[in-house]
Amino acid sequence: MDVFTTPGAFSWSELMTQDPARAAEFYGSLFGWTIEAMDMPMGKYYVAKVGEVAVGGMASCPEGAPAMPPAWGCYVTVANVDDTIRHCEALGGKVLMPAMDVPTVGRMACIQDPQGATVNVISYFPREG
């Protein structure tokens, strides 16, 4: 199963923190991850790899976002982000971050279930290779 193309599969983990460089050093050492820093529009993004496989990332909390403690979040692959957020709302959930395109990655949004738990949903752009 390819988690990047299978709707319903958990496909990515991401840490939002005030100091992603420090977090990358910590988790890289703790788990033996190789860390690759990438320049993104919102600043440096640190990709964690096990061998050659990217398994997650670390980034700064978005500017203007409400204060929050550092936290890991997960992504679930969906066939269509816009359809998924409409379905979420129809089921009583909320959209916390509207759908947006992440260059070279895919289209994503953050949703909240009726009990208050949050999860990110993503449709990945086709990968080369």
Protein backbone atom coordinates (compact mmCIF):
# COMPACT_ATOMS: atom_id res chain seq x y z
CA MET A 1 0.00 0.00 0.00
CA ASP A 2 1.26 3.46 -0.89
CA VAL A 3 0.03 5.78 1.88
CA PHE A 4 0.41 8.80 -0.40
CA THR A 5 -2.18 7.49 -2.86
CA THR A 6 -4.49 5.47 -0.60
CA PRO A 7 -7.49 7.43 0.71
CA GLY A 8 -7.96 6.86 4.43
CA ALA A 9 -4.29 6.06 5.12
CA PHE A 10 -2.27 8.06 7.64
CA SER A 11 0.52 9.44 5.48
CA TRP A 12 2.56 12.12 7.28
CA SER A 13 3.43 13.38 10.75
CA GLU A 14 4.40 16.96 11.43
CA LEU A 15 5.66 18.88 14.43
CA MET A 16 4.68 22.51 14.82
CA THR A 17 7.04 24.21 17.28
CA GLN A 18 8.66 27.53 18.09
CA ASP A 19 12.17 26.14 17.40
CA PRO A 20 12.09 23.53 14.63
CA ALA A 21 15.89 23.53 14.21
CA ARG A 22 16.34 22.53 17.85
CA ALA A 23 13.56 19.94 17.55
CA ALA A 24 15.21 18.51 14.43
CA GLU A 25 18.49 18.07 16.33
CA PHE A 26 16.69 16.38 19.24
CA TYR A 27 14.55 13.97 17.20
CA GLY A 28 17.33 13.26 14.71
CA SER A 29 19.56 12.17 17.57
CA LEU A 30 16.80 10.35 19.46
CA PHE A 31 15.49 8.26 16.55
CA GLY A 32 18.50 8.24 14.21
CA TRP A 33 16.63 10.26 11.60
CA THR A 34 18.48 12.02 8.82
CA ILE A 35 17.23 15.60 8.69
CA GLU A 36 17.05 17.66 5.50
CA ALA A 37 16.30 21.38 5.80
CA MET A 38 14.22 22.89 2.99
CA ASP A 39 13.46 26.54 2.31
CA MET A 40 9.70 27.07 2.17
CA PRO A 41 7.60 30.26 1.91
CA MET A 42 6.89 30.11 5.67
CA GLY A 43 10.55 29.48 6.59
CA LYS A 44 12.74 26.41 6.99
CA TYR A 45 11.02 23.04 6.95
CA TYR A 46 12.89 20.07 8.37
CA VAL A 47 12.15 16.71 6.72
CA ALA A 48 12.84 13.62 8.82
CA LYS A 49 14.01 10.53 6.94
CA VAL A 50 14.52 6.92 7.88
CA GLY A 51 17.05 5.78 5.34
CA GLU A 52 15.85 7.38 2.10
CA VAL A 53 12.18 7.46 3.11
CA ALA A 54 10.70 10.78 4.29
CA VAL A 55 8.48 10.06 7.30
CA GLY A 56 7.62 13.47 8.72
CA GLY A 57 8.54 17.09 9.10
CA MET A 58 9.08 19.92 11.56
CA ALA A 59 8.15 23.58 11.08
CA SER A 60 7.60 26.83 12.93
CA CYS A 61 4.13 27.62 14.16
CA PRO A 62 2.41 29.79 11.54
CA GLU A 63 2.70 33.53 12.03
CA GLY A 64 -0.48 34.95 13.54
CA ALA A 65 -1.67 31.54 14.75
CA PRO A 66 -3.01 31.37 18.31
CA ALA A 67 -0.39 30.47 20.91
CA MET A 68 -0.15 26.73 21.37
CA PRO A 69 2.33 24.30 22.86
CA PRO A 70 4.52 22.39 20.41
CA ALA A 71 2.58 19.42 19.10
CA TRP A 72 2.77 16.61 16.57
CA GLY A 73 -0.09 16.34 14.08
CA CYS A 74 -0.94 13.78 11.43
CA TYR A 75 -2.24 13.78 7.88
CA VAL A 76 -4.77 11.42 6.34
CA THR A 77 -4.73 10.97 2.56
CA VAL A 78 -8.04 11.75 0.83
CA ALA A 79 -9.11 11.60 -2.81
CA ASN A 80 -10.30 15.23 -2.83
CA VAL A 81 -9.69 17.74 -0.02
CA ASP A 82 -12.55 20.05 -1.00
CA ASP A 83 -15.07 17.19 -1.05
CA THR A 84 -13.72 15.93 2.27
CA ILE A 85 -14.13 19.26 4.06
CA ARG A 86 -17.70 19.59 2.74
CA HIS A 87 -18.44 16.09 4.02
CA CYS A 88 -16.81 16.94 7.37
CA GLU A 89 -19.09 19.96 7.79
CA ALA A 90 -22.15 17.92 6.80
CA LEU A 91 -21.26 15.45 9.56
CA GLY A 92 -21.04 18.26 12.15
CA GLY A 93 -17.30 18.90 11.98
CA LYS A 94 -15.51 22.19 11.35
CA VAL A 95 -12.83 23.44 9.01
CA LEU A 96 -10.05 25.06 11.06
CA MET A 97 -7.76 25.85 8.14
CA PRO A 98 -9.33 26.13 4.70
CA ALA A 99 -8.00 24.10 1.81
CA MET A 100 -4.73 25.38 0.42
CA ASP A 101 -2.16 24.17 -2.07
CA VAL A 102 1.32 23.39 -0.77
CA PRO A 103 3.71 23.81 -3.72
CA THR A 104 5.10 20.50 -5.03
CA VAL A 105 3.28 18.54 -2.27
CA GLY A 106 -0.52 18.65 -2.56
CA ARG A 107 -3.73 20.26 -1.36
CA MET A 108 -4.43 20.20 2.38
CA ALA A 109 -6.77 21.45 5.11
CA CYS A 110 -7.15 21.07 8.86
CA ILE A 111 -10.49 19.82 10.17
CA GLN A 112 -12.01 19.23 13.59
CA ASP A 113 -14.45 16.48 14.53
CA PRO A 114 -17.61 17.23 16.57
CA GLN A 115 -15.75 16.25 19.78
CA GLY A 116 -12.90 18.71 19.16
CA ALA A 117 -10.11 16.45 17.85
CA THR A 118 -8.19 17.80 14.87
CA VAL A 119 -6.58 16.11 11.89
CA ASN A 120 -5.07 17.31 8.63
CA VAL A 121 -6.35 15.98 5.31
CA ILE A 122 -4.30 15.98 2.13
CA SER A 123 -4.49 15.01 -1.54
CA TYR A 124 -0.94 14.65 -2.82
CA PHE A 125 0.07 15.89 -6.24
CA PRO A 126 1.26 13.04 -8.51
CA ARG A 127 4.85 12.15 -7.69
CA GLU A 128 7.55 11.84 -10.30
CA GLY A 129 9.35 8.59 -10.57
